[in-house]
């Protein structure tokens, strides 16, 4: 049984239909990479899975519990967010909190974990993402890559069932991308379930067990990385991959 499944997911902004009846399954330990051109609905899909955006329609099953996403209650939103974590494109760290405080806030406030226990777990996670000794730094004292690694540690701190990554390297200088991707690879190897919106093709080939290609608010094609990259069936997928391979940008606007 999937850890996360959505059916008939729809999202409309005004007169613009962003997601058109999207179905998706995520099994425990999956690393799913979502690809697609600007405006395809990738980020909106990710935000709907965490209810940062409320869908106009759709059903979700998360860890065996069913939710009507059109009528989701405040209590249900909290349940879903307790079981999922979000890594943002632009870090979204609290600038007036230290690195350690950023990582532990969700534990001490939302989960009511004792401060000493939360700080121990936070230091362990910061060590794991290569930030040993940076516990008392503030975000402004860190590079973009370091800030994003803090964001990943924060997402992992609450021990989520699924971690959602929204273009985690797109705001970084090229020389900082590798450090963040290496951290993500290590968590993937340890069994963390991930859904990742990215244009990092090397990461998708090496780490993902499923690649999803989206365009115009629908899932056009999905499969194992070698199937999508080496033998795509849909013309829309082929055209996108040709553009990416030839160096044209397909990033979200």
Protein backbone atom coordinates (compact mmCIF):
# COMPACT_ATOMS: atom_id res chain seq x y z
CA UNK A 1 0.00 0.00 0.00
CA UNK A 2 1.41 3.45 -0.88
CA UNK A 3 2.44 5.74 1.98
CA UNK A 4 0.90 8.61 -0.01
CA UNK A 5 -1.65 8.50 -2.82
CA UNK A 6 -3.65 11.27 -4.47
CA UNK A 7 -6.46 10.90 -6.98
CA UNK A 8 -8.22 13.45 -9.19
CA UNK A 9 -6.18 16.31 -7.73
CA UNK A 10 -7.29 19.64 -9.22
CA UNK A 11 -6.13 23.18 -8.51
CA UNK A 12 -7.51 26.34 -10.09
CA UNK A 13 -6.28 29.92 -9.68
CA UNK A 14 -8.97 32.25 -11.00
CA UNK A 15 -9.66 31.07 -14.53
CA UNK A 16 -6.37 29.20 -14.81
CA UNK A 17 -6.55 25.44 -14.31
CA UNK A 18 -3.10 24.59 -12.92
CA UNK A 19 -3.64 20.90 -12.10
CA UNK A 20 -6.06 18.78 -14.12
CA UNK A 21 -7.05 15.58 -12.34
CA UNK A 22 -3.58 14.41 -11.26
CA UNK A 23 -3.14 10.88 -9.84
CA UNK A 24 0.07 9.96 -8.03
CA UNK A 25 1.39 7.22 -5.74
CA UNK A 26 4.38 7.37 -3.41
CA UNK A 27 5.62 4.20 -1.73
CA UNK A 28 7.86 4.04 1.32
CA UNK A 29 11.49 4.60 0.32
CA UNK A 30 10.62 6.08 -3.07
CA UNK A 31 12.70 8.90 -4.50
CA UNK A 32 10.41 10.43 -7.13
CA UNK A 33 11.71 13.24 -9.32
CA UNK A 34 9.16 15.49 -11.04
CA UNK A 35 10.29 17.16 -14.24
CA UNK A 36 8.53 19.58 -16.55
CA UNK A 37 8.67 22.98 -18.22
CA UNK A 38 7.79 26.28 -16.59
CA UNK A 39 4.10 26.49 -15.77
CA UNK A 40 3.52 22.73 -15.90
CA UNK A 41 2.17 22.61 -12.33
CA UNK A 42 5.10 20.87 -10.62
CA UNK A 43 5.46 23.23 -7.67
CA UNK A 44 1.70 23.57 -7.27
CA UNK A 45 1.40 19.77 -7.07
CA UNK A 46 4.06 19.67 -4.37
CA UNK A 47 2.37 22.46 -2.39
CA UNK A 48 -0.99 20.69 -2.64
CA UNK A 49 0.52 17.49 -1.22
CA UNK A 50 1.51 19.45 1.91
CA UNK A 51 -1.63 21.65 1.79
CA UNK A 52 0.37 24.83 1.48
CA UNK A 53 -2.19 25.21 -1.32
CA UNK A 54 -5.68 23.81 -0.79
CA UNK A 55 -6.82 21.80 -3.82
CA UNK A 56 -10.17 22.52 -5.45
CA UNK A 57 -10.82 18.80 -5.69
CA UNK A 58 -9.14 15.50 -4.99
CA UNK A 59 -8.65 12.65 -2.55
CA UNK A 60 -5.59 11.73 -0.53
CA UNK A 61 -4.62 8.63 1.38
CA UNK A 62 -1.71 9.25 3.73
CA UNK A 63 -0.43 6.44 5.93
CA UNK A 64 -3.73 4.59 5.54
CA UNK A 65 -6.05 7.50 6.30
CA UNK A 66 -8.36 9.01 3.66
CA UNK A 67 -8.85 12.74 3.18
CA UNK A 68 -11.27 14.70 0.99
CA UNK A 69 -8.97 17.52 -0.08
CA UNK A 70 -11.82 19.78 -1.17
CA UNK A 71 -13.28 19.71 2.34
CA UNK A 72 -10.15 19.19 4.43
CA UNK A 73 -10.48 20.50 8.00
CA UNK A 74 -7.91 22.42 10.02
CA UNK A 75 -7.28 19.33 12.14
CA UNK A 76 -6.72 17.22 9.03
CA UNK A 77 -4.31 19.78 7.58
CA UNK A 78 -2.28 19.54 10.77
CA UNK A 79 -2.26 15.73 10.53
CA UNK A 80 -1.00 15.86 6.95
CA UNK A 81 1.68 18.43 7.76
CA UNK A 82 2.87 16.37 10.72
CA UNK A 83 3.59 13.49 8.35
CA UNK A 84 5.15 15.52 5.53
CA UNK A 85 7.98 18.07 5.40
CA UNK A 86 8.75 20.76 2.82
CA UNK A 87 12.15 21.99 1.67
CA UNK A 88 11.69 25.38 0.01
CA UNK A 89 13.46 26.81 -3.01
CA UNK A 90 14.54 29.91 -1.06
CA UNK A 91 15.29 28.24 2.30
CA UNK A 92 12.56 30.08 4.34
CA UNK A 93 14.71 30.17 7.46
CA UNK A 94 13.97 32.46 10.39
CA UNK A 95 16.64 35.15 10.06
CA UNK A 96 16.46 36.06 13.76
CA UNK A 97 16.98 32.46 14.92
CA UNK A 98 20.22 30.52 15.07
CA UNK A 99 20.81 27.53 12.85
CA UNK A 100 20.06 25.17 15.73
CA UNK A 101 16.89 27.07 16.66
CA UNK A 102 15.69 26.89 13.07
CA UNK A 103 16.08 23.10 13.11
CA UNK A 104 14.53 22.51 16.55
CA UNK A 105 11.60 24.94 16.47
CA UNK A 106 9.24 22.42 14.89
CA UNK A 107 10.15 19.89 17.55
CA UNK A 108 9.79 22.11 20.60
CA UNK A 109 6.72 24.08 19.49
CA UNK A 110 4.68 21.69 17.34
CA UNK A 111 5.79 18.35 18.80
CA UNK A 112 6.37 19.51 22.41
CA UNK A 113 9.75 17.74 22.54
CA UNK A 114 11.90 18.79 25.49
CA UNK A 115 14.47 21.44 24.57
CA UNK A 116 17.49 19.32 25.57
CA UNK A 117 16.31 16.35 23.50
CA UNK A 118 15.42 18.56 20.52
CA UNK A 119 18.83 20.27 20.61
CA UNK A 120 20.65 16.92 20.70
CA UNK A 121 18.67 15.71 17.69
CA UNK A 122 19.22 19.06 15.97
CA UNK A 123 23.00 18.93 16.45
CA UNK A 124 23.08 15.35 15.16
CA UNK A 125 21.21 16.38 12.03
CA UNK A 126 23.39 19.44 11.46
CA UNK A 127 26.45 17.22 11.79
CA UNK A 128 24.90 14.89 9.23
CA UNK A 129 24.43 17.69 6.68
CA UNK A 130 28.00 18.90 7.14
CA UNK A 131 27.38 21.86 9.47
CA UNK A 132 29.24 20.74 12.57
CA UNK A 133 30.15 23.77 14.69
CA UNK A 134 27.69 26.10 12.95
CA UNK A 135 24.92 25.60 15.53
CA UNK A 136 24.99 29.18 16.85
CA UNK A 137 25.39 30.90 13.48
CA UNK A 138 22.56 32.93 11.99
CA UNK A 139 21.35 32.35 8.42
CA UNK A 140 22.96 35.59 7.17
CA UNK A 141 26.35 34.22 8.21
CA UNK A 142 25.99 31.17 5.94
CA UNK A 143 26.27 30.61 2.21
CA UNK A 144 23.15 29.74 0.25
CA UNK A 145 24.19 26.11 0.11
CA UNK A 146 24.64 25.99 3.87
CA UNK A 147 21.26 27.63 4.41
CA UNK A 148 19.62 25.03 2.20
CA UNK A 149 21.32 22.26 4.18
CA UNK A 150 19.84 23.81 7.33
CA UNK A 151 16.47 23.67 5.56
CA UNK A 152 16.96 19.97 4.84
CA UNK A 153 17.97 19.29 8.46
CA UNK A 154 14.86 21.15 9.64
CA UNK A 155 12.67 19.05 7.34
CA UNK A 156 14.21 15.82 8.60
CA UNK A 157 14.02 16.78 12.27
CA UNK A 158 10.31 15.98 12.57
CA UNK A 159 10.84 12.44 11.20
CA UNK A 160 8.32 12.84 8.37
CA UNK A 161 6.84 10.04 6.28
CA UNK A 162 7.49 12.00 3.06
CA UNK A 163 9.84 14.94 2.37
CA UNK A 164 8.86 17.31 -0.46
CA UNK A 165 11.67 19.25 -2.17
CA UNK A 166 10.77 22.26 -4.33
CA UNK A 167 13.69 23.05 -6.66
CA UNK A 168 16.13 22.82 -3.72
CA UNK A 169 19.19 23.88 -5.76
CA UNK A 170 17.72 26.41 -8.20
CA UNK A 171 18.56 29.46 -6.05
CA UNK A 172 22.17 28.38 -5.51
CA UNK A 173 25.37 29.38 -7.23
CA UNK A 174 26.56 26.44 -9.39
CA UNK A 175 29.53 25.62 -7.14
CA UNK A 176 27.21 25.12 -4.15
CA UNK A 177 24.75 22.75 -5.84
CA UNK A 178 26.85 19.61 -5.37
CA UNK A 179 26.96 19.86 -1.57
CA UNK A 180 23.18 20.04 -1.32
CA UNK A 181 22.65 17.18 -3.77
CA UNK A 182 25.15 15.02 -1.85
CA UNK A 183 23.20 15.58 1.36
CA UNK A 184 19.98 14.60 -0.42
CA UNK A 185 21.66 11.47 -1.83
CA UNK A 186 22.75 10.41 1.65
CA UNK A 187 19.24 10.73 3.04
CA UNK A 188 17.87 8.84 0.03
CA UNK A 189 20.33 6.01 0.65
CA UNK A 190 19.14 5.78 4.25
CA UNK A 191 15.56 5.18 3.07
CA UNK A 192 14.02 8.65 3.29
CA UNK A 193 10.92 8.91 1.10
CA UNK A 194 11.27 11.92 -1.21
CA UNK A 195 9.33 13.74 -3.89
CA UNK A 196 11.67 16.18 -5.63
CA UNK A 197 10.90 18.90 -8.18
CA UNK A 198 14.21 19.57 -9.92
CA UNK A 199 16.02 19.96 -13.22
CA UNK A 200 19.14 18.20 -11.92
CA UNK A 201 19.18 15.38 -14.46
CA UNK A 202 22.22 13.67 -12.98
CA UNK A 203 20.49 13.42 -9.60
CA UNK A 204 17.34 12.07 -11.27
CA UNK A 205 19.28 9.39 -13.14
CA UNK A 206 21.42 8.36 -10.17
CA UNK A 207 19.08 8.58 -7.20
CA UNK A 208 15.44 8.46 -8.33
CA UNK A 209 13.58 5.19 -8.69
CA UNK A 210 10.74 6.95 -10.55
CA UNK A 211 10.65 9.99 -12.83
CA UNK A 212 7.41 11.88 -13.48
CA UNK A 213 7.14 14.27 -16.43
CA UNK A 214 4.44 16.95 -16.20
CA UNK A 215 3.16 19.45 -18.76
CA UNK A 216 0.08 21.66 -18.84
CA UNK A 217 -1.19 20.48 -15.47
CA UNK A 218 -1.16 16.75 -16.17
CA UNK A 219 1.27 13.86 -15.77
CA UNK A 220 2.28 13.09 -19.34
CA UNK A 221 4.56 10.15 -18.63
CA UNK A 222 6.19 8.36 -15.72
CA UNK A 223 8.54 5.45 -15.25
CA UNK A 224 11.98 4.40 -14.14
CA UNK A 225 14.76 6.87 -14.95
CA UNK A 226 16.20 4.80 -17.81
CA UNK A 227 12.75 4.53 -19.38
CA UNK A 228 12.10 8.27 -19.30
CA UNK A 229 15.59 9.46 -20.23
CA UNK A 230 16.61 6.78 -22.72
CA UNK A 231 13.32 5.73 -24.25
CA UNK A 232 10.55 8.30 -23.65
CA UNK A 233 7.27 7.35 -25.31
CA UNK A 234 5.53 10.72 -25.50
CA UNK A 235 6.54 13.44 -27.96
CA UNK A 236 6.08 16.10 -25.26
CA UNK A 237 8.62 14.31 -23.05
CA UNK A 238 11.08 13.93 -25.93
CA UNK A 239 10.86 17.64 -26.80
CA UNK A 240 11.46 18.70 -23.18
CA UNK A 241 14.43 16.40 -22.71
CA UNK A 242 15.95 17.59 -25.99
CA UNK A 243 15.71 21.20 -24.80
CA UNK A 244 17.30 20.37 -21.46
CA UNK A 245 20.04 18.34 -23.08
CA UNK A 246 20.80 21.17 -25.47
CA UNK A 247 21.14 23.63 -22.61
CA UNK A 248 17.87 25.58 -22.85
CA UNK A 249 16.22 26.53 -19.58
CA UNK A 250 13.10 24.71 -18.51
CA UNK A 251 12.98 26.12 -15.04
CA UNK A 252 9.84 27.21 -13.28
CA UNK A 253 9.19 30.92 -13.60
